[in-house]
Amino acid sequence: MGEFLPQMLILKYADLLVGHGGNNSITEALANGVPVVAFPFASDQFFSAMAIEENGIGTVCDPNHADVDEICSKIIVALNCTFQAVLASQDIAAQEDKRRAVKKLQEMLEG
């Protein structure tokens, strides 16, 4: 086995991302329409965790105090956020399509 797992590849087949709530992981999960259970413990992870819950794309657990029952309950809640996560992935794809279109237009204008 390699030094890391190819998260972007794995997320294509995942129903849920469980992680610390870092920006890259959340962005990759949402790009694939995968809801998130975040266990934030530092820096931007707290802001990302708040955004996850506010936008209905997953849920958050306190990594220092969550017990097994709470974690299981949060997983169920997050799995019920799949529809919102898929909508977010569609928004992300639409923005990427717009960026590609602008780039193509710029290339055409620059000749």
C-alpha atoms as a PDB file:
ATOM      1  CA  MET A   1       0.000   0.000   0.000  1.00  0.00           C
ATOM      2  CA  GLY A   2       1.188   3.523  -0.765  1.00  0.00           C
ATOM      3  CA  GLU A   3       1.893   6.383   1.610  1.00  0.00           C
ATOM      4  CA  PHE A   4      -1.580   7.872   1.163  1.00  0.00           C
ATOM      5  CA  LEU A   5      -5.040   6.999  -0.075  1.00  0.00           C
ATOM      6  CA  PRO A   6      -6.298   8.738  -3.231  1.00  0.00           C
ATOM      7  CA  GLN A   7      -9.144  10.601  -1.531  1.00  0.00           C
ATOM      8  CA  MET A   8     -10.610  12.069  -4.735  1.00  0.00           C
ATOM      9  CA  LEU A   9     -10.871   8.580  -6.239  1.00  0.00           C
ATOM     10  CA  ILE A  10     -12.344   7.073  -3.087  1.00  0.00           C
ATOM     11  CA  LEU A  11     -14.926   9.847  -2.681  1.00  0.00           C
ATOM     12  CA  LYS A  12     -16.483   8.900  -6.017  1.00  0.00           C
ATOM     13  CA  TYR A  13     -17.678   5.716  -4.293  1.00  0.00           C
ATOM     14  CA  ALA A  14     -18.250   7.023  -0.749  1.00  0.00           C
ATOM     15  CA  ASP A  15     -21.539   7.731   1.000  1.00  0.00           C
ATOM     16  CA  LEU A  16     -19.929   9.841   3.717  1.00  0.00           C
ATOM     17  CA  LEU A  17     -16.672  11.590   4.619  1.00  0.00           C
ATOM     18  CA  VAL A  18     -15.604  11.413   8.259  1.00  0.00           C
ATOM     19  CA  GLY A  19     -12.649  13.674   8.974  1.00  0.00           C
ATOM     20  CA  HIS A  20     -11.245  16.684  10.775  1.00  0.00           C
ATOM     21  CA  GLY A  21     -13.085  19.176   8.583  1.00  0.00           C
ATOM     22  CA  GLY A  22     -10.144  20.615   6.707  1.00  0.00           C
ATOM     23  CA  ASN A  23     -10.939  22.786   3.714  1.00  0.00           C
ATOM     24  CA  ASN A  24      -9.464  20.436   1.106  1.00  0.00           C
ATOM     25  CA  SER A  25     -11.344  17.380   2.344  1.00  0.00           C
ATOM     26  CA  ILE A  26     -14.641  19.253   2.559  1.00  0.00           C
ATOM     27  CA  THR A  27     -14.197  20.738  -0.901  1.00  0.00           C
ATOM     28  CA  GLU A  28     -13.372  17.324  -2.349  1.00  0.00           C
ATOM     29  CA  ALA A  29     -16.341  15.702  -0.582  1.00  0.00           C
ATOM     30  CA  LEU A  30     -18.737  18.358  -1.848  1.00  0.00           C
ATOM     31  CA  ALA A  31     -17.342  18.190  -5.373  1.00  0.00           C
ATOM     32  CA  ASN A  32     -18.441  14.540  -5.250  1.00  0.00           C
ATOM     33  CA  GLY A  33     -21.790  15.155  -3.537  1.00  0.00           C
ATOM     34  CA  VAL A  34     -20.686  13.419  -0.340  1.00  0.00           C
ATOM     35  CA  PRO A  35     -21.943  14.696   3.036  1.00  0.00           C
ATOM     36  CA  VAL A  36     -19.508  15.209   5.912  1.00  0.00           C
ATOM     37  CA  VAL A  37     -19.143  14.391   9.604  1.00  0.00           C
ATOM     38  CA  ALA A  38     -16.439  16.745  10.847  1.00  0.00           C
ATOM     39  CA  PHE A  39     -14.375  16.410  14.011  1.00  0.00           C
ATOM     40  CA  PRO A  40     -12.639  19.825  14.045  1.00  0.00           C
ATOM     41  CA  PHE A  41      -9.681  20.326  16.346  1.00  0.00           C
ATOM     42  CA  ALA A  42      -7.696  23.303  14.937  1.00  0.00           C
ATOM     43  CA  SER A  43      -7.657  26.505  12.879  1.00  0.00           C
ATOM     44  CA  ASP A  44      -9.989  26.720   9.838  1.00  0.00           C
ATOM     45  CA  GLN A  45     -11.691  23.460  10.759  1.00  0.00           C
ATOM     46  CA  PHE A  46     -14.021  25.209  13.231  1.00  0.00           C
ATOM     47  CA  PHE A  47     -15.193  27.693  10.599  1.00  0.00           C
ATOM     48  CA  SER A  48     -15.664  24.875   8.085  1.00  0.00           C
ATOM     49  CA  ALA A  49     -17.601  22.839  10.650  1.00  0.00           C
ATOM     50  CA  MET A  50     -19.977  25.745  11.223  1.00  0.00           C
ATOM     51  CA  ALA A  51     -20.497  26.097   7.460  1.00  0.00           C
ATOM     52  CA  ILE A  52     -21.185  22.353   7.128  1.00  0.00           C
ATOM     53  CA  GLU A  53     -24.038  22.513   9.612  1.00  0.00           C
ATOM     54  CA  GLU A  54     -25.399  25.895   8.456  1.00  0.00           C
ATOM     55  CA  ASN A  55     -25.639  24.640   4.876  1.00  0.00           C
ATOM     56  CA  GLY A  56     -27.101  21.246   5.731  1.00  0.00           C
ATOM     57  CA  ILE A  57     -24.285  19.292   4.097  1.00  0.00           C
ATOM     58  CA  GLY A  58     -23.325  17.287   7.152  1.00  0.00           C
ATOM     59  CA  THR A  59     -22.793  17.544  10.864  1.00  0.00           C
ATOM     60  CA  VAL A  60     -20.107  18.102  13.470  1.00  0.00           C
ATOM     61  CA  CYS A  61     -18.811  16.207  16.516  1.00  0.00           C
ATOM     62  CA  ASP A  62     -16.545  17.434  19.286  1.00  0.00           C
ATOM     63  CA  PRO A  63     -13.498  15.156  18.930  1.00  0.00           C
ATOM     64  CA  ASN A  64     -12.712  15.473  22.635  1.00  0.00           C
ATOM     65  CA  HIS A  65     -16.130  14.617  24.041  1.00  0.00           C
ATOM     66  CA  ALA A  66     -18.216  12.605  21.552  1.00  0.00           C
ATOM     67  CA  ASP A  67     -19.125   9.091  22.625  1.00  0.00           C
ATOM     68  CA  VAL A  68     -20.062   6.172  20.382  1.00  0.00           C
ATOM     69  CA  ASP A  69     -23.805   6.870  20.572  1.00  0.00           C
ATOM     70  CA  GLU A  70     -23.350  10.514  19.582  1.00  0.00           C
ATOM     71  CA  ILE A  71     -21.041   9.609  16.707  1.00  0.00           C
ATOM     72  CA  CYS A  72     -23.526   7.036  15.387  1.00  0.00           C
ATOM     73  CA  SER A  73     -26.324   9.575  15.672  1.00  0.00           C
ATOM     74  CA  LYS A  74     -24.260  12.209  13.810  1.00  0.00           C
ATOM     75  CA  ILE A  75     -23.514   9.712  11.032  1.00  0.00           C
ATOM     76  CA  ILE A  76     -27.238   9.116  10.539  1.00  0.00           C
ATOM     77  CA  VAL A  77     -27.889  12.870  10.458  1.00  0.00           C
ATOM     78  CA  ALA A  78     -25.102  13.397   7.918  1.00  0.00           C
ATOM     79  CA  LEU A  79     -26.328  10.600   5.656  1.00  0.00           C
ATOM     80  CA  ASN A  80     -29.650  12.430   5.541  1.00  0.00           C
ATOM     81  CA  CYS A  81     -27.775  15.436   4.122  1.00  0.00           C
ATOM     82  CA  THR A  82     -26.889  13.686   0.859  1.00  0.00           C
ATOM     83  CA  PHE A  83     -29.411  15.675  -1.183  1.00  0.00           C
ATOM     84  CA  GLN A  84     -27.905  18.986  -0.038  1.00  0.00           C
ATOM     85  CA  ALA A  85     -24.381  17.693  -0.693  1.00  0.00           C
ATOM     86  CA  VAL A  86     -25.371  16.694  -4.236  1.00  0.00           C
ATOM     87  CA  LEU A  87     -26.860  20.161  -4.813  1.00  0.00           C
ATOM     88  CA  ALA A  88     -23.586  21.671  -3.618  1.00  0.00           C
ATOM     89  CA  SER A  89     -21.649  19.470  -6.051  1.00  0.00           C
ATOM     90  CA  GLN A  90     -23.850  20.700  -8.898  1.00  0.00           C
ATOM     91  CA  ASP A  91     -23.180  24.313  -7.895  1.00  0.00           C
ATOM     92  CA  ILE A  92     -19.432  23.626  -7.806  1.00  0.00           C
ATOM     93  CA  ALA A  93     -19.562  22.003 -11.255  1.00  0.00           C
ATOM     94  CA  ALA A  94     -21.536  24.931 -12.683  1.00  0.00           C
ATOM     95  CA  GLN A  95     -18.950  27.397 -11.371  1.00  0.00           C
ATOM     96  CA  GLU A  96     -16.156  25.338 -12.892  1.00  0.00           C
ATOM     97  CA  ASP A  97     -17.991  25.298 -16.245  1.00  0.00           C
ATOM     98  CA  LYS A  98     -18.247  29.107 -16.096  1.00  0.00           C
ATOM     99  CA  ARG A  99     -14.515  29.437 -15.369  1.00  0.00           C
ATOM    100  CA  ARG A 100     -13.706  27.170 -18.330  1.00  0.00           C
ATOM    101  CA  ALA A 101     -15.991  29.185 -20.616  1.00  0.00           C
ATOM    102  CA  VAL A 102     -14.363  32.477 -19.596  1.00  0.00           C
ATOM    103  CA  LYS A 103     -10.889  31.018 -20.110  1.00  0.00           C
ATOM    104  CA  LYS A 104     -11.848  29.729 -23.547  1.00  0.00           C
ATOM    105  CA  LEU A 105     -13.297  33.122 -24.509  1.00  0.00           C
ATOM    106  CA  GLN A 106     -10.096  34.850 -23.339  1.00  0.00           C
ATOM    107  CA  GLU A 107      -7.999  32.449 -25.424  1.00  0.00           C
ATOM    108  CA  MET A 108     -10.175  33.118 -28.466  1.00  0.00           C
ATOM    109  CA  LEU A 109      -9.954  36.896 -28.024  1.00  0.00           C
ATOM    110  CA  GLU A 110      -6.184  36.796 -27.573  1.00  0.00           C
ATOM    111  CA  GLY A 111      -6.042  34.768 -30.786  1.00  0.00           C
END
